[in-house]
Amino acid sequence: MSSLNSAQDGPSFEQMLSEAFKVGLDLPAETDVTTLVFGQHRHWDSLGHMSLVITLEQTFGVSLGEKDVLEIDSYASAAAVLRSKDRAGS
């Protein structure tokens, strides 16, 4: 089982998270996702949020509960939630 924080033979956590945001929110490749906040980008509305959550779950192989989904309201908060999942071993 690989850790979310390890970059052995693959993309780094930040690269994976950035790509998941671009795919989940249907954003152009050149978008700086690190500054994104829920509701402040036309693609990150309630429907976009659910698409993002599904993409994050698939990308990182985790299951996000209701509390996790509600906590994700920015790129930084998504990183924190995913890292907490890794530390918890879920």
C-alpha atoms as a PDB file:
ATOM      1  CA  MET A   1       0.000   0.000   0.000  1.00  0.00           C
ATOM      2  CA  SER A   2       1.510   3.336  -0.999  1.00  0.00           C
ATOM      3  CA  SER A   3       1.370   6.453   1.094  1.00  0.00           C
ATOM      4  CA  LEU A   4      -0.277   9.603  -0.228  1.00  0.00           C
ATOM      5  CA  ASN A   5       2.905  11.454   0.671  1.00  0.00           C
ATOM      6  CA  SER A   6       5.331   9.180  -1.167  1.00  0.00           C
ATOM      7  CA  ALA A   7       6.429   9.996  -4.673  1.00  0.00           C
ATOM      8  CA  GLN A   8       8.197   6.731  -5.400  1.00  0.00           C
ATOM      9  CA  ASP A   9       8.002   5.890  -9.099  1.00  0.00           C
ATOM     10  CA  GLY A  10       5.080   8.207  -9.687  1.00  0.00           C
ATOM     11  CA  PRO A  11       3.705  11.708  -9.431  1.00  0.00           C
ATOM     12  CA  SER A  12       3.977  13.604  -6.166  1.00  0.00           C
ATOM     13  CA  PHE A  13       1.008  14.224  -3.894  1.00  0.00           C
ATOM     14  CA  GLU A  14       0.833  17.842  -5.115  1.00  0.00           C
ATOM     15  CA  GLN A  15       0.943  16.772  -8.777  1.00  0.00           C
ATOM     16  CA  MET A  16      -1.825  14.239  -8.190  1.00  0.00           C
ATOM     17  CA  LEU A  17      -3.953  16.761  -6.307  1.00  0.00           C
ATOM     18  CA  SER A  18      -3.458  19.451  -8.931  1.00  0.00           C
ATOM     19  CA  GLU A  19      -4.393  17.056 -11.734  1.00  0.00           C
ATOM     20  CA  ALA A  20      -7.451  15.822  -9.789  1.00  0.00           C
ATOM     21  CA  PHE A  21      -8.664  19.414  -9.408  1.00  0.00           C
ATOM     22  CA  LYS A  22      -8.218  20.080 -13.133  1.00  0.00           C
ATOM     23  CA  VAL A  23     -10.034  16.888 -14.119  1.00  0.00           C
ATOM     24  CA  GLY A  24     -12.727  17.091 -11.431  1.00  0.00           C
ATOM     25  CA  LEU A  25     -13.555  20.703 -12.166  1.00  0.00           C
ATOM     26  CA  ASP A  26     -12.979  20.470 -15.932  1.00  0.00           C
ATOM     27  CA  LEU A  27     -10.285  23.155 -15.918  1.00  0.00           C
ATOM     28  CA  PRO A  28      -7.660  23.988 -18.543  1.00  0.00           C
ATOM     29  CA  ALA A  29      -4.217  22.437 -17.967  1.00  0.00           C
ATOM     30  CA  GLU A  30      -2.613  25.827 -17.281  1.00  0.00           C
ATOM     31  CA  THR A  31      -5.003  26.721 -14.411  1.00  0.00           C
ATOM     32  CA  ASP A  32      -3.335  27.514 -11.079  1.00  0.00           C
ATOM     33  CA  VAL A  33      -5.533  25.378  -8.859  1.00  0.00           C
ATOM     34  CA  THR A  34      -3.649  26.179  -5.654  1.00  0.00           C
ATOM     35  CA  THR A  35      -5.681  29.368  -5.153  1.00  0.00           C
ATOM     36  CA  LEU A  36      -9.106  27.902  -5.896  1.00  0.00           C
ATOM     37  CA  VAL A  37     -11.902  28.329  -3.365  1.00  0.00           C
ATOM     38  CA  PHE A  38     -15.396  26.835  -3.551  1.00  0.00           C
ATOM     39  CA  GLY A  39     -17.878  29.240  -5.107  1.00  0.00           C
ATOM     40  CA  GLN A  40     -15.226  31.642  -6.378  1.00  0.00           C
ATOM     41  CA  HIS A  41     -14.722  29.906  -9.723  1.00  0.00           C
ATOM     42  CA  ARG A  42     -17.506  29.273 -12.209  1.00  0.00           C
ATOM     43  CA  HIS A  43     -16.614  25.575 -12.442  1.00  0.00           C
ATOM     44  CA  TRP A  44     -16.581  25.027  -8.671  1.00  0.00           C
ATOM     45  CA  ASP A  45     -20.268  25.128  -7.867  1.00  0.00           C
ATOM     46  CA  SER A  46     -22.240  22.369  -6.107  1.00  0.00           C
ATOM     47  CA  LEU A  47     -22.199  20.076  -9.145  1.00  0.00           C
ATOM     48  CA  GLY A  48     -18.513  20.730  -9.736  1.00  0.00           C
ATOM     49  CA  HIS A  49     -17.876  19.971  -6.067  1.00  0.00           C
ATOM     50  CA  MET A  50     -19.389  16.507  -6.367  1.00  0.00           C
ATOM     51  CA  SER A  51     -17.377  15.836  -9.518  1.00  0.00           C
ATOM     52  CA  LEU A  52     -14.230  16.966  -7.703  1.00  0.00           C
ATOM     53  CA  VAL A  53     -14.963  14.730  -4.696  1.00  0.00           C
ATOM     54  CA  ILE A  54     -15.451  11.681  -6.924  1.00  0.00           C
ATOM     55  CA  THR A  55     -12.217  12.459  -8.777  1.00  0.00           C
ATOM     56  CA  LEU A  56     -10.315  12.887  -5.492  1.00  0.00           C
ATOM     57  CA  GLU A  57     -11.639   9.555  -4.217  1.00  0.00           C
ATOM     58  CA  GLN A  58     -10.617   7.790  -7.415  1.00  0.00           C
ATOM     59  CA  THR A  59      -7.225   9.480  -7.656  1.00  0.00           C
ATOM     60  CA  PHE A  60      -6.201   8.830  -4.056  1.00  0.00           C
ATOM     61  CA  GLY A  61      -8.072   5.572  -3.449  1.00  0.00           C
ATOM     62  CA  VAL A  62      -9.950   6.900  -0.436  1.00  0.00           C
ATOM     63  CA  SER A  63     -13.546   7.164   0.633  1.00  0.00           C
ATOM     64  CA  LEU A  64     -14.568  10.643   1.710  1.00  0.00           C
ATOM     65  CA  GLY A  65     -17.359  10.896   4.264  1.00  0.00           C
ATOM     66  CA  GLU A  66     -19.885  13.694   4.580  1.00  0.00           C
ATOM     67  CA  LYS A  67     -17.680  15.587   7.060  1.00  0.00           C
ATOM     68  CA  ASP A  68     -14.723  15.362   4.655  1.00  0.00           C
ATOM     69  CA  VAL A  69     -16.806  16.552   1.708  1.00  0.00           C
ATOM     70  CA  LEU A  70     -18.039  19.558   3.686  1.00  0.00           C
ATOM     71  CA  GLU A  71     -14.514  20.430   4.852  1.00  0.00           C
ATOM     72  CA  ILE A  72     -13.205  20.634   1.286  1.00  0.00           C
ATOM     73  CA  ASP A  73     -13.755  24.252   0.315  1.00  0.00           C
ATOM     74  CA  SER A  74     -10.343  25.096  -1.127  1.00  0.00           C
ATOM     75  CA  TYR A  75      -7.298  23.436  -2.629  1.00  0.00           C
ATOM     76  CA  ALA A  76      -5.530  23.713   0.740  1.00  0.00           C
ATOM     77  CA  SER A  77      -8.410  22.135   2.652  1.00  0.00           C
ATOM     78  CA  ALA A  78      -8.579  19.267   0.145  1.00  0.00           C
ATOM     79  CA  ALA A  79      -4.871  18.623   0.702  1.00  0.00           C
ATOM     80  CA  ALA A  80      -5.383  18.648   4.483  1.00  0.00           C
ATOM     81  CA  VAL A  81      -8.336  16.241   4.322  1.00  0.00           C
ATOM     82  CA  LEU A  82      -6.470  13.830   2.053  1.00  0.00           C
ATOM     83  CA  ARG A  83      -3.347  13.958   4.195  1.00  0.00           C
ATOM     84  CA  SER A  84      -5.423  13.236   7.309  1.00  0.00           C
ATOM     85  CA  LYS A  85      -6.862  10.186   5.519  1.00  0.00           C
ATOM     86  CA  ASP A  86      -3.322   8.990   4.851  1.00  0.00           C
ATOM     87  CA  ARG A  87      -2.268   9.464   8.492  1.00  0.00           C
ATOM     88  CA  ALA A  88      -5.406   7.647   9.641  1.00  0.00           C
ATOM     89  CA  GLY A  89      -4.607   4.798   7.272  1.00  0.00           C
ATOM     90  CA  SER A  90      -7.946   4.972   5.506  1.00  0.00           C
END
